[in-house]
Amino acid sequence: MKFFSVPLLAVFLLLASGCQLKWVRLDGDSVDQARLEEAKQACRVERKLAALERAREERDDNLARSSTNEAKMLLKDDFDAVERQVYLEIDTCMHKQGYMR
């Protein structure tokens, strides 16, 4: 049986519960859930977060197989860069749609 790390489990529960990212309107208006969902679909937020979760799982598997601390640090650094890029893409697209976190 494969054991999951605590951070991985926390992220999975966060995604599963639908609490993902809290969005507010740039102009301060109240958030219309239908329009927010349209913006999230246009920006492919769910798809990007799911891909990030798969990348996290792959990183965890690679970390378990890594034999040196240097290799582990490189894997972590690479993943951190990917994670920042994904969130930057999401934030940029959602900003164009009129939302921010």
PDB file of N, CA and C in Angstrom:
ATOM      1  N   MET A   1       0.842  -1.182   0.000  1.00  0.00           N
ATOM      2  CA  MET A   1       0.000   0.000   0.000  1.00  0.00           C
ATOM      3  C   MET A   1       0.882   1.238   0.000  1.00  0.00           C
ATOM      4  N   LYS A   2       0.532   2.188  -0.813  1.00  0.00           N
ATOM      5  CA  LYS A   2       1.308   3.418  -0.929  1.00  0.00           C
ATOM      6  C   LYS A   2       0.799   4.433   0.088  1.00  0.00           C
ATOM      7  N   PHE A   3       1.725   5.050   0.818  1.00  0.00           N
ATOM      8  CA  PHE A   3       1.362   6.050   1.806  1.00  0.00           C
ATOM      9  C   PHE A   3       1.544   7.443   1.214  1.00  0.00           C
ATOM     10  N   PHE A   4       0.622   8.326   1.506  1.00  0.00           N
ATOM     11  CA  PHE A   4       0.677   9.689   1.014  1.00  0.00           C
ATOM     12  C   PHE A   4       1.279  10.595   2.080  1.00  0.00           C
ATOM     13  N   SER A   5       1.978  11.604   1.634  1.00  0.00           N
ATOM     14  CA  SER A   5       2.529  12.574   2.572  1.00  0.00           C
ATOM     15  C   SER A   5       1.401  13.466   3.082  1.00  0.00           C
ATOM     16  N   VAL A   6       1.624  14.069   4.213  1.00  0.00           N
ATOM     17  CA  VAL A   6       0.615  14.944   4.818  1.00  0.00           C
ATOM     18  C   VAL A   6       0.310  16.144   3.925  1.00  0.00           C
ATOM     19  N   PRO A   7       1.335  16.830   3.352  1.00  0.00           N
ATOM     20  CA  PRO A   7       1.006  17.958   2.469  1.00  0.00           C
ATOM     21  C   PRO A   7       0.207  17.531   1.242  1.00  0.00           C
ATOM     22  N   LEU A   8       0.531  16.383   0.692  1.00  0.00           N
ATOM     23  CA  LEU A   8      -0.206  15.889  -0.467  1.00  0.00           C
ATOM     24  C   LEU A   8      -1.655  15.617  -0.101  1.00  0.00           C
ATOM     25  N   LEU A   9      -1.873  15.024   1.034  1.00  0.00           N
ATOM     26  CA  LEU A   9      -3.234  14.752   1.489  1.00  0.00           C
ATOM     27  C   LEU A   9      -3.990  16.057   1.722  1.00  0.00           C
ATOM     28  N   ALA A  10      -3.316  17.041   2.296  1.00  0.00           N
ATOM     29  CA  ALA A  10      -3.961  18.332   2.547  1.00  0.00           C
ATOM     30  C   ALA A  10      -4.383  18.996   1.245  1.00  0.00           C
ATOM     31  N   VAL A  11      -3.517  18.955   0.246  1.00  0.00           N
ATOM     32  CA  VAL A  11      -3.848  19.552  -1.052  1.00  0.00           C
ATOM     33  C   VAL A  11      -5.003  18.800  -1.693  1.00  0.00           C
ATOM     34  N   PHE A  12      -4.984  17.487  -1.621  1.00  0.00           N
ATOM     35  CA  PHE A  12      -6.066  16.696  -2.199  1.00  0.00           C
ATOM     36  C   PHE A  12      -7.392  17.035  -1.534  1.00  0.00           C
ATOM     37  N   LEU A  13      -7.399  17.113  -0.219  1.00  0.00           N
ATOM     38  CA  LEU A  13      -8.639  17.446   0.490  1.00  0.00           C
ATOM     39  C   LEU A  13      -9.111  18.850   0.144  1.00  0.00           C
ATOM     40  N   LEU A  14      -8.174  19.764  -0.006  1.00  0.00           N
ATOM     41  CA  LEU A  14      -8.527  21.125  -0.390  1.00  0.00           C
ATOM     42  C   LEU A  14      -9.173  21.141  -1.764  1.00  0.00           C
ATOM     43  N   LEU A  15      -8.593  20.407  -2.718  1.00  0.00           N
ATOM     44  CA  LEU A  15      -9.157  20.353  -4.064  1.00  0.00           C
ATOM     45  C   LEU A  15     -10.507  19.648  -4.067  1.00  0.00           C
ATOM     46  N   ALA A  16     -10.598  18.560  -3.312  1.00  0.00           N
ATOM     47  CA  ALA A  16     -11.830  17.786  -3.281  1.00  0.00           C
ATOM     48  C   ALA A  16     -12.974  18.554  -2.629  1.00  0.00           C
ATOM     49  N   SER A  17     -12.652  19.401  -1.683  1.00  0.00           N
ATOM     50  CA  SER A  17     -13.706  20.118  -0.972  1.00  0.00           C
ATOM     51  C   SER A  17     -14.217  21.336  -1.738  1.00  0.00           C
ATOM     52  N   GLY A  18     -13.515  21.711  -2.797  1.00  0.00           N
ATOM     53  CA  GLY A  18     -13.961  22.853  -3.589  1.00  0.00           C
ATOM     54  C   GLY A  18     -13.550  24.190  -2.999  1.00  0.00           C
ATOM     55  N   CYS A  19     -12.694  24.182  -2.008  1.00  0.00           N
ATOM     56  CA  CYS A  19     -12.266  25.419  -1.349  1.00  0.00           C
ATOM     57  C   CYS A  19     -11.051  26.043  -2.029  1.00  0.00           C
ATOM     58  N   GLN A  20     -10.653  25.543  -3.100  1.00  0.00           N
ATOM     59  CA  GLN A  20      -9.424  25.868  -3.815  1.00  0.00           C
ATOM     60  C   GLN A  20      -8.911  27.269  -3.589  1.00  0.00           C
ATOM     61  N   LEU A  21      -9.315  28.199  -4.416  1.00  0.00           N
ATOM     62  CA  LEU A  21      -8.806  29.560  -4.338  1.00  0.00           C
ATOM     63  C   LEU A  21      -9.966  30.509  -4.107  1.00  0.00           C
ATOM     64  N   LYS A  22      -9.775  31.470  -3.235  1.00  0.00           N
ATOM     65  CA  LYS A  22     -10.809  32.460  -2.935  1.00  0.00           C
ATOM     66  C   LYS A  22     -10.624  33.643  -3.871  1.00  0.00           C
ATOM     67  N   TRP A  23     -11.633  33.934  -4.663  1.00  0.00           N
ATOM     68  CA  TRP A  23     -11.562  35.008  -5.652  1.00  0.00           C
ATOM     69  C   TRP A  23     -12.464  36.162  -5.242  1.00  0.00           C
ATOM     70  N   VAL A  24     -12.009  37.388  -5.525  1.00  0.00           N
ATOM     71  CA  VAL A  24     -12.805  38.592  -5.306  1.00  0.00           C
ATOM     72  C   VAL A  24     -12.771  39.417  -6.587  1.00  0.00           C
ATOM     73  N   ARG A  25     -13.771  40.247  -6.783  1.00  0.00           N
ATOM     74  CA  ARG A  25     -13.831  41.102  -7.968  1.00  0.00           C
ATOM     75  C   ARG A  25     -12.818  42.237  -7.837  1.00  0.00           C
ATOM     76  N   LEU A  26     -12.205  42.614  -8.937  1.00  0.00           N
ATOM     77  CA  LEU A  26     -11.249  43.722  -8.942  1.00  0.00           C
ATOM     78  C   LEU A  26     -11.919  45.046  -8.612  1.00  0.00           C
ATOM     79  N   ASP A  27     -13.174  45.190  -9.027  1.00  0.00           N
ATOM     80  CA  ASP A  27     -13.876  46.453  -8.801  1.00  0.00           C
ATOM     81  C   ASP A  27     -14.585  46.513  -7.454  1.00  0.00           C
ATOM     82  N   GLY A  28     -14.460  45.469  -6.655  1.00  0.00           N
ATOM     83  CA  GLY A  28     -15.049  45.459  -5.325  1.00  0.00           C
ATOM     84  C   GLY A  28     -16.490  44.996  -5.266  1.00  0.00           C
ATOM     85  N   ASP A  29     -17.112  44.746  -6.416  1.00  0.00           N
ATOM     86  CA  ASP A  29     -18.489  44.240  -6.424  1.00  0.00           C
ATOM     87  C   ASP A  29     -18.536  42.848  -5.818  1.00  0.00           C
ATOM     88  N   SER A  30     -19.743  42.431  -5.462  1.00  0.00           N
ATOM     89  CA  SER A  30     -19.898  41.076  -4.945  1.00  0.00           C
ATOM     90  C   SER A  30     -19.687  40.077  -6.077  1.00  0.00           C
ATOM     91  N   VAL A  31     -19.251  38.903  -5.714  1.00  0.00           N
ATOM     92  CA  VAL A  31     -18.927  37.873  -6.695  1.00  0.00           C
ATOM     93  C   VAL A  31     -20.193  37.147  -7.127  1.00  0.00           C
ATOM     94  N   ASP A  32     -20.447  37.158  -8.418  1.00  0.00           N
ATOM     95  CA  ASP A  32     -21.538  36.395  -9.005  1.00  0.00           C
ATOM     96  C   ASP A  32     -20.977  35.013  -9.332  1.00  0.00           C
ATOM     97  N   GLN A  33     -21.504  33.985  -8.674  1.00  0.00           N
ATOM     98  CA  GLN A  33     -20.945  32.642  -8.814  1.00  0.00           C
ATOM     99  C   GLN A  33     -20.977  32.136 -10.255  1.00  0.00           C
ATOM    100  N   ALA A  34     -22.008  32.462 -11.004  1.00  0.00           N
ATOM    101  CA  ALA A  34     -22.097  32.005 -12.392  1.00  0.00           C
ATOM    102  C   ALA A  34     -20.980  32.624 -13.233  1.00  0.00           C
ATOM    103  N   ARG A  35     -20.748  33.912 -13.052  1.00  0.00           N
ATOM    104  CA  ARG A  35     -19.677  34.582 -13.801  1.00  0.00           C
ATOM    105  C   ARG A  35     -18.303  34.112 -13.349  1.00  0.00           C
ATOM    106  N   LEU A  36     -18.168  33.847 -12.049  1.00  0.00           N
ATOM    107  CA  LEU A  36     -16.906  33.330 -11.539  1.00  0.00           C
ATOM    108  C   LEU A  36     -16.601  31.967 -12.158  1.00  0.00           C
ATOM    109  N   GLU A  37     -17.606  31.115 -12.237  1.00  0.00           N
ATOM    110  CA  GLU A  37     -17.413  29.801 -12.856  1.00  0.00           C
ATOM    111  C   GLU A  37     -17.045  29.928 -14.327  1.00  0.00           C
ATOM    112  N   GLU A  38     -17.665  30.866 -15.024  1.00  0.00           N
ATOM    113  CA  GLU A  38     -17.310  31.103 -16.429  1.00  0.00           C
ATOM    114  C   GLU A  38     -15.853  31.542 -16.554  1.00  0.00           C
ATOM    115  N   ALA A  39     -15.428  32.424 -15.665  1.00  0.00           N
ATOM    116  CA  ALA A  39     -14.039  32.893 -15.688  1.00  0.00           C
ATOM    117  C   ALA A  39     -13.086  31.747 -15.386  1.00  0.00           C
ATOM    118  N   LYS A  40     -13.431  30.929 -14.400  1.00  0.00           N
ATOM    119  CA  LYS A  40     -12.576  29.790 -14.061  1.00  0.00           C
ATOM    120  C   LYS A  40     -12.494  28.795 -15.217  1.00  0.00           C
ATOM    121  N   GLN A  41     -13.598  28.600 -15.919  1.00  0.00           N
ATOM    122  CA  GLN A  41     -13.583  27.710 -17.078  1.00  0.00           C
ATOM    123  C   GLN A  41     -12.746  28.308 -18.201  1.00  0.00           C
ATOM    124  N   ALA A  42     -12.876  29.604 -18.424  1.00  0.00           N
ATOM    125  CA  ALA A  42     -12.099  30.269 -19.472  1.00  0.00           C
ATOM    126  C   ALA A  42     -10.603  30.176 -19.182  1.00  0.00           C
ATOM    127  N   CYS A  43     -10.246  30.226 -17.913  1.00  0.00           N
ATOM    128  CA  CYS A  43      -8.835  30.168 -17.521  1.00  0.00           C
ATOM    129  C   CYS A  43      -8.356  28.737 -17.250  1.00  0.00           C
ATOM    130  N   ARG A  44      -9.280  27.792 -17.353  1.00  0.00           N
ATOM    131  CA  ARG A  44      -8.955  26.376 -17.128  1.00  0.00           C
ATOM    132  C   ARG A  44      -8.321  26.145 -15.750  1.00  0.00           C
ATOM    133  N   VAL A  45      -8.863  26.794 -14.741  1.00  0.00           N
ATOM    134  CA  VAL A  45      -8.307  26.727 -13.395  1.00  0.00           C
ATOM    135  C   VAL A  45      -8.305  25.298 -12.871  1.00  0.00           C
ATOM    136  N   GLU A  46      -9.429  24.606 -12.985  1.00  0.00           N
ATOM    137  CA  GLU A  46      -9.529  23.242 -12.466  1.00  0.00           C
ATOM    138  C   GLU A  46      -8.520  22.321 -13.144  1.00  0.00           C
ATOM    139  N   ARG A  47      -8.399  22.451 -14.448  1.00  0.00           N
ATOM    140  CA  ARG A  47      -7.480  21.608 -15.216  1.00  0.00           C
ATOM    141  C   ARG A  47      -6.030  21.865 -14.801  1.00  0.00           C
ATOM    142  N   LYS A  48      -5.688  23.134 -14.615  1.00  0.00           N
ATOM    143  CA  LYS A  48      -4.314  23.481 -14.227  1.00  0.00           C
ATOM    144  C   LYS A  48      -3.999  23.001 -12.824  1.00  0.00           C
ATOM    145  N   LEU A  49      -4.962  23.117 -11.907  1.00  0.00           N
ATOM    146  CA  LEU A  49      -4.726  22.639 -10.547  1.00  0.00           C
ATOM    147  C   LEU A  49      -4.624  21.122 -10.498  1.00  0.00           C
ATOM    148  N   ALA A  50      -5.409  20.434 -11.318  1.00  0.00           N
ATOM    149  CA  ALA A  50      -5.321  18.973 -11.376  1.00  0.00           C
ATOM    150  C   ALA A  50      -3.970  18.542 -11.944  1.00  0.00           C
ATOM    151  N   ALA A  51      -3.492  19.241 -12.965  1.00  0.00           N
ATOM    152  CA  ALA A  51      -2.177  18.924 -13.533  1.00  0.00           C
ATOM    153  C   ALA A  51      -1.081  19.198 -12.510  1.00  0.00           C
ATOM    154  N   LEU A  52      -1.234  20.257 -11.739  1.00  0.00           N
ATOM    155  CA  LEU A  52      -0.261  20.562 -10.707  1.00  0.00           C
ATOM    156  C   LEU A  52      -0.250  19.470  -9.644  1.00  0.00           C
ATOM    157  N   GLU A  53      -1.407  18.963  -9.310  1.00  0.00           N
ATOM    158  CA  GLU A  53      -1.491  17.874  -8.332  1.00  0.00           C
ATOM    159  C   GLU A  53      -0.795  16.611  -8.861  1.00  0.00           C
ATOM    160  N   ARG A  54      -0.995  16.311 -10.149  1.00  0.00           N
ATOM    161  CA  ARG A  54      -0.300  15.151 -10.737  1.00  0.00           C
ATOM    162  C   ARG A  54       1.207  15.362 -10.731  1.00  0.00           C
ATOM    163  N   ALA A  55       1.641  16.590 -11.010  1.00  0.00           N
ATOM    164  CA  ALA A  55       3.076  16.910 -10.978  1.00  0.00           C
ATOM    165  C   ALA A  55       3.625  16.767  -9.562  1.00  0.00           C
ATOM    166  N   ARG A  56       2.820  17.136  -8.582  1.00  0.00           N
ATOM    167  CA  ARG A  56       3.232  17.001  -7.178  1.00  0.00           C
ATOM    168  C   ARG A  56       3.404  15.525  -6.824  1.00  0.00           C
ATOM    169  N   GLU A  57       2.484  14.698  -7.270  1.00  0.00           N
ATOM    170  CA  GLU A  57       2.593  13.259  -7.005  1.00  0.00           C
ATOM    171  C   GLU A  57       3.829  12.676  -7.677  1.00  0.00           C
ATOM    172  N   GLU A  58       4.088  13.089  -8.903  1.00  0.00           N
ATOM    173  CA  GLU A  58       5.272  12.616  -9.614  1.00  0.00           C
ATOM    174  C   GLU A  58       6.540  13.082  -8.902  1.00  0.00           C
ATOM    175  N   ARG A  59       6.536  14.326  -8.445  1.00  0.00           N
ATOM    176  CA  ARG A  59       7.683  14.834  -7.694  1.00  0.00           C
ATOM    177  C   ARG A  59       7.918  14.011  -6.440  1.00  0.00           C
ATOM    178  N   ASP A  60       6.848  13.687  -5.721  1.00  0.00           N
ATOM    179  CA  ASP A  60       6.978  12.887  -4.505  1.00  0.00           C
ATOM    180  C   ASP A  60       7.553  11.506  -4.806  1.00  0.00           C
ATOM    181  N   ASP A  61       7.097  10.895  -5.895  1.00  0.00           N
ATOM    182  CA  ASP A  61       7.648   9.604  -6.298  1.00  0.00           C
ATOM    183  C   ASP A  61       9.130   9.714  -6.634  1.00  0.00           C
ATOM    184  N   ASN A  62       9.493  10.757  -7.358  1.00  0.00           N
ATOM    185  CA  ASN A  62      10.893  10.969  -7.727  1.00  0.00           C
ATOM    186  C   ASN A  62      11.752  11.261  -6.504  1.00  0.00           C
ATOM    187  N   LEU A  63      11.202  11.987  -5.548  1.00  0.00           N
ATOM    188  CA  LEU A  63      11.942  12.256  -4.314  1.00  0.00           C
ATOM    189  C   LEU A  63      12.221  10.963  -3.549  1.00  0.00           C
ATOM    190  N   ALA A  64      11.240  10.072  -3.545  1.00  0.00           N
ATOM    191  CA  ALA A  64      11.420   8.803  -2.847  1.00  0.00           C
ATOM    192  C   ALA A  64      12.504   7.955  -3.508  1.00  0.00           C
ATOM    193  N   ARG A  65      12.647   8.098  -4.831  1.00  0.00           N
ATOM    194  CA  ARG A  65      13.650   7.321  -5.559  1.00  0.00           C
ATOM    195  C   ARG A  65      15.025   7.982  -5.577  1.00  0.00           C
ATOM    196  N   SER A  66      15.093   9.260  -5.233  1.00  0.00           N
ATOM    197  CA  SER A  66      16.369   9.979  -5.280  1.00  0.00           C
ATOM    198  C   SER A  66      17.294   9.487  -4.176  1.00  0.00           C
ATOM    199  N   SER A  67      18.557   9.377  -4.547  1.00  0.00           N
ATOM    200  CA  SER A  67      19.519   8.835  -3.585  1.00  0.00           C
ATOM    201  C   SER A  67      20.350   9.899  -2.890  1.00  0.00           C
ATOM    202  N   THR A  68      20.418  11.088  -3.451  1.00  0.00           N
ATOM    203  CA  THR A  68      21.243  12.133  -2.841  1.00  0.00           C
ATOM    204  C   THR A  68      20.391  13.341  -2.474  1.00  0.00           C
ATOM    205  N   ASN A  69      20.882  14.076  -1.501  1.00  0.00           N
ATOM    206  CA  ASN A  69      20.196  15.303  -1.092  1.00  0.00           C
ATOM    207  C   ASN A  69      20.217  16.333  -2.210  1.00  0.00           C
ATOM    208  N   GLU A  70      21.296  16.355  -2.985  1.00  0.00           N
ATOM    209  CA  GLU A  70      21.399  17.304  -4.087  1.00  0.00           C
ATOM    210  C   GLU A  70      20.304  17.053  -5.133  1.00  0.00           C
ATOM    211  N   ALA A  71      20.089  15.789  -5.460  1.00  0.00           N
ATOM    212  CA  ALA A  71      19.040  15.440  -6.426  1.00  0.00           C
ATOM    213  C   ALA A  71      17.667  15.817  -5.885  1.00  0.00           C
ATOM    214  N   LYS A  72      17.456  15.602  -4.600  1.00  0.00           N
ATOM    215  CA  LYS A  72      16.174  15.951  -3.986  1.00  0.00           C
ATOM    216  C   LYS A  72      15.944  17.463  -4.024  1.00  0.00           C
ATOM    217  N   MET A  73      16.990  18.221  -3.735  1.00  0.00           N
ATOM    218  CA  MET A  73      16.862  19.679  -3.756  1.00  0.00           C
ATOM    219  C   MET A  73      16.573  20.184  -5.170  1.00  0.00           C
ATOM    220  N   LEU A  74      17.209  19.588  -6.172  1.00  0.00           N
ATOM    221  CA  LEU A  74      16.942  19.978  -7.557  1.00  0.00           C
ATOM    222  C   LEU A  74      15.499  19.690  -7.942  1.00  0.00           C
ATOM    223  N   LEU A  75      14.993  18.521  -7.538  1.00  0.00           N
ATOM    224  CA  LEU A  75      13.593  18.183  -7.817  1.00  0.00           C
ATOM    225  C   LEU A  75      12.649  19.180  -7.151  1.00  0.00           C
ATOM    226  N   LYS A  76      12.932  19.517  -5.912  1.00  0.00           N
ATOM    227  CA  LYS A  76      12.083  20.471  -5.189  1.00  0.00           C
ATOM    228  C   LYS A  76      12.127  21.846  -5.846  1.00  0.00           C
ATOM    229  N   ASP A  77      13.321  22.276  -6.221  1.00  0.00           N
ATOM    230  CA  ASP A  77      13.456  23.583  -6.874  1.00  0.00           C
ATOM    231  C   ASP A  77      12.715  23.621  -8.207  1.00  0.00           C
ATOM    232  N   ASP A  78      12.837  22.542  -8.982  1.00  0.00           N
ATOM    233  CA  ASP A  78      12.141  22.473 -10.269  1.00  0.00           C
ATOM    234  C   ASP A  78      10.632  22.524 -10.074  1.00  0.00           C
ATOM    235  N   PHE A  79      10.143  21.780  -9.096  1.00  0.00           N
ATOM    236  CA  PHE A  79       8.706  21.775  -8.858  1.00  0.00           C
ATOM    237  C   PHE A  79       8.230  23.135  -8.366  1.00  0.00           C
ATOM    238  N   ASP A  80       9.002  23.764  -7.491  1.00  0.00           N
ATOM    239  CA  ASP A  80       8.622  25.091  -7.000  1.00  0.00           C
ATOM    240  C   ASP A  80       8.486  26.086  -8.147  1.00  0.00           C
ATOM    241  N   ALA A  81       9.384  25.993  -9.119  1.00  0.00           N
ATOM    242  CA  ALA A  81       9.320  26.885 -10.288  1.00  0.00           C
ATOM    243  C   ALA A  81       8.063  26.604 -11.108  1.00  0.00           C
ATOM    244  N   VAL A  82       7.730  25.322 -11.282  1.00  0.00           N
ATOM    245  CA  VAL A  82       6.526  24.944 -12.024  1.00  0.00           C
ATOM    246  C   VAL A  82       5.284  25.430 -11.283  1.00  0.00           C
ATOM    247  N   GLU A  83       5.272  25.254  -9.986  1.00  0.00           N
ATOM    248  CA  GLU A  83       4.124  25.676  -9.183  1.00  0.00           C
ATOM    249  C   GLU A  83       3.914  27.194  -9.273  1.00  0.00           C
ATOM    250  N   ARG A  84       4.999  27.957  -9.157  1.00  0.00           N
ATOM    251  CA  ARG A  84       4.887  29.411  -9.287  1.00  0.00           C
ATOM    252  C   ARG A  84       4.349  29.798 -10.662  1.00  0.00           C
ATOM    253  N   GLN A  85       4.811  29.111 -11.697  1.00  0.00           N
ATOM    254  CA  GLN A  85       4.368  29.405 -13.058  1.00  0.00           C
ATOM    255  C   GLN A  85       2.873  29.124 -13.231  1.00  0.00           C
ATOM    256  N   VAL A  86       2.411  28.010 -12.697  1.00  0.00           N
ATOM    257  CA  VAL A  86       0.998  27.657 -12.820  1.00  0.00           C
ATOM    258  C   VAL A  86       0.129  28.702 -12.121  1.00  0.00           C
ATOM    259  N   TYR A  87       0.501  29.075 -10.905  1.00  0.00           N
ATOM    260  CA  TYR A  87      -0.288  30.067 -10.187  1.00  0.00           C
ATOM    261  C   TYR A  87      -0.212  31.437 -10.847  1.00  0.00           C
ATOM    262  N   LEU A  88       0.924  31.762 -11.444  1.00  0.00           N
ATOM    263  CA  LEU A  88       1.047  33.014 -12.181  1.00  0.00           C
ATOM    264  C   LEU A  88       0.109  33.021 -13.390  1.00  0.00           C
ATOM    265  N   GLU A  89       0.063  31.899 -14.113  1.00  0.00           N
ATOM    266  CA  GLU A  89      -0.846  31.787 -15.264  1.00  0.00           C
ATOM    267  C   GLU A  89      -2.301  31.941 -14.831  1.00  0.00           C
ATOM    268  N   ILE A  90      -2.663  31.267 -13.753  1.00  0.00           N
ATOM    269  CA  ILE A  90      -4.039  31.348 -13.257  1.00  0.00           C
ATOM    270  C   ILE A  90      -4.364  32.777 -12.834  1.00  0.00           C
ATOM    271  N   ASP A  91      -3.483  33.375 -12.046  1.00  0.00           N
ATOM    272  CA  ASP A  91      -3.728  34.730 -11.557  1.00  0.00           C
ATOM    273  C   ASP A  91      -3.814  35.740 -12.699  1.00  0.00           C
ATOM    274  N   THR A  92      -2.938  35.604 -13.693  1.00  0.00           N
ATOM    275  CA  THR A  92      -2.944  36.530 -14.831  1.00  0.00           C
ATOM    276  C   THR A  92      -4.242  36.415 -15.620  1.00  0.00           C
ATOM    277  N   CYS A  93      -4.656  35.208 -15.903  1.00  0.00           N
ATOM    278  CA  CYS A  93      -5.886  34.997 -16.664  1.00  0.00           C
ATOM    279  C   CYS A  93      -7.105  35.488 -15.874  1.00  0.00           C
ATOM    280  N   MET A  94      -7.165  35.138 -14.598  1.00  0.00           N
ATOM    281  CA  MET A  94      -8.310  35.557 -13.793  1.00  0.00           C
ATOM    282  C   MET A  94      -8.336  37.073 -13.626  1.00  0.00           C
ATOM    283  N   HIS A  95      -7.188  37.704 -13.574  1.00  0.00           N
ATOM    284  CA  HIS A  95      -7.134  39.169 -13.498  1.00  0.00           C
ATOM    285  C   HIS A  95      -7.750  39.773 -14.758  1.00  0.00           C
ATOM    286  N   LYS A  96      -7.449  39.174 -15.912  1.00  0.00           N
ATOM    287  CA  LYS A  96      -8.047  39.644 -17.168  1.00  0.00           C
ATOM    288  C   LYS A  96      -9.559  39.442 -17.173  1.00  0.00           C
ATOM    289  N   GLN A  97     -10.027  38.460 -16.416  1.00  0.00           N
ATOM    290  CA  GLN A  97     -11.459  38.199 -16.321  1.00  0.00           C
ATOM    291  C   GLN A  97     -12.128  39.085 -15.252  1.00  0.00           C
ATOM    292  N   GLY A  98     -11.311  39.841 -14.486  1.00  0.00           N
ATOM    293  CA  GLY A  98     -11.858  40.761 -13.495  1.00  0.00           C
ATOM    294  C   GLY A  98     -11.814  40.243 -12.078  1.00  0.00           C
ATOM    295  N   TYR A  99     -10.974  39.245 -11.804  1.00  0.00           N
ATOM    296  CA  TYR A  99     -10.893  38.651 -10.454  1.00  0.00           C
ATOM    297  C   TYR A  99      -9.457  38.625  -9.958  1.00  0.00           C
ATOM    298  N   MET A 100      -9.314  38.589  -8.623  1.00  0.00           N
ATOM    299  CA  MET A 100      -8.010  38.394  -8.016  1.00  0.00           C
ATOM    300  C   MET A 100      -8.193  37.555  -6.756  1.00  0.00           C
ATOM    301  N   ARG A 101      -7.088  36.958  -6.331  1.00  0.00           N
ATOM    302  CA  ARG A 101      -7.131  36.155  -5.102  1.00  0.00           C
ATOM    303  C   ARG A 101      -6.954  37.048  -3.904  1.00  0.00           C
TER     304      ARG A 101
END
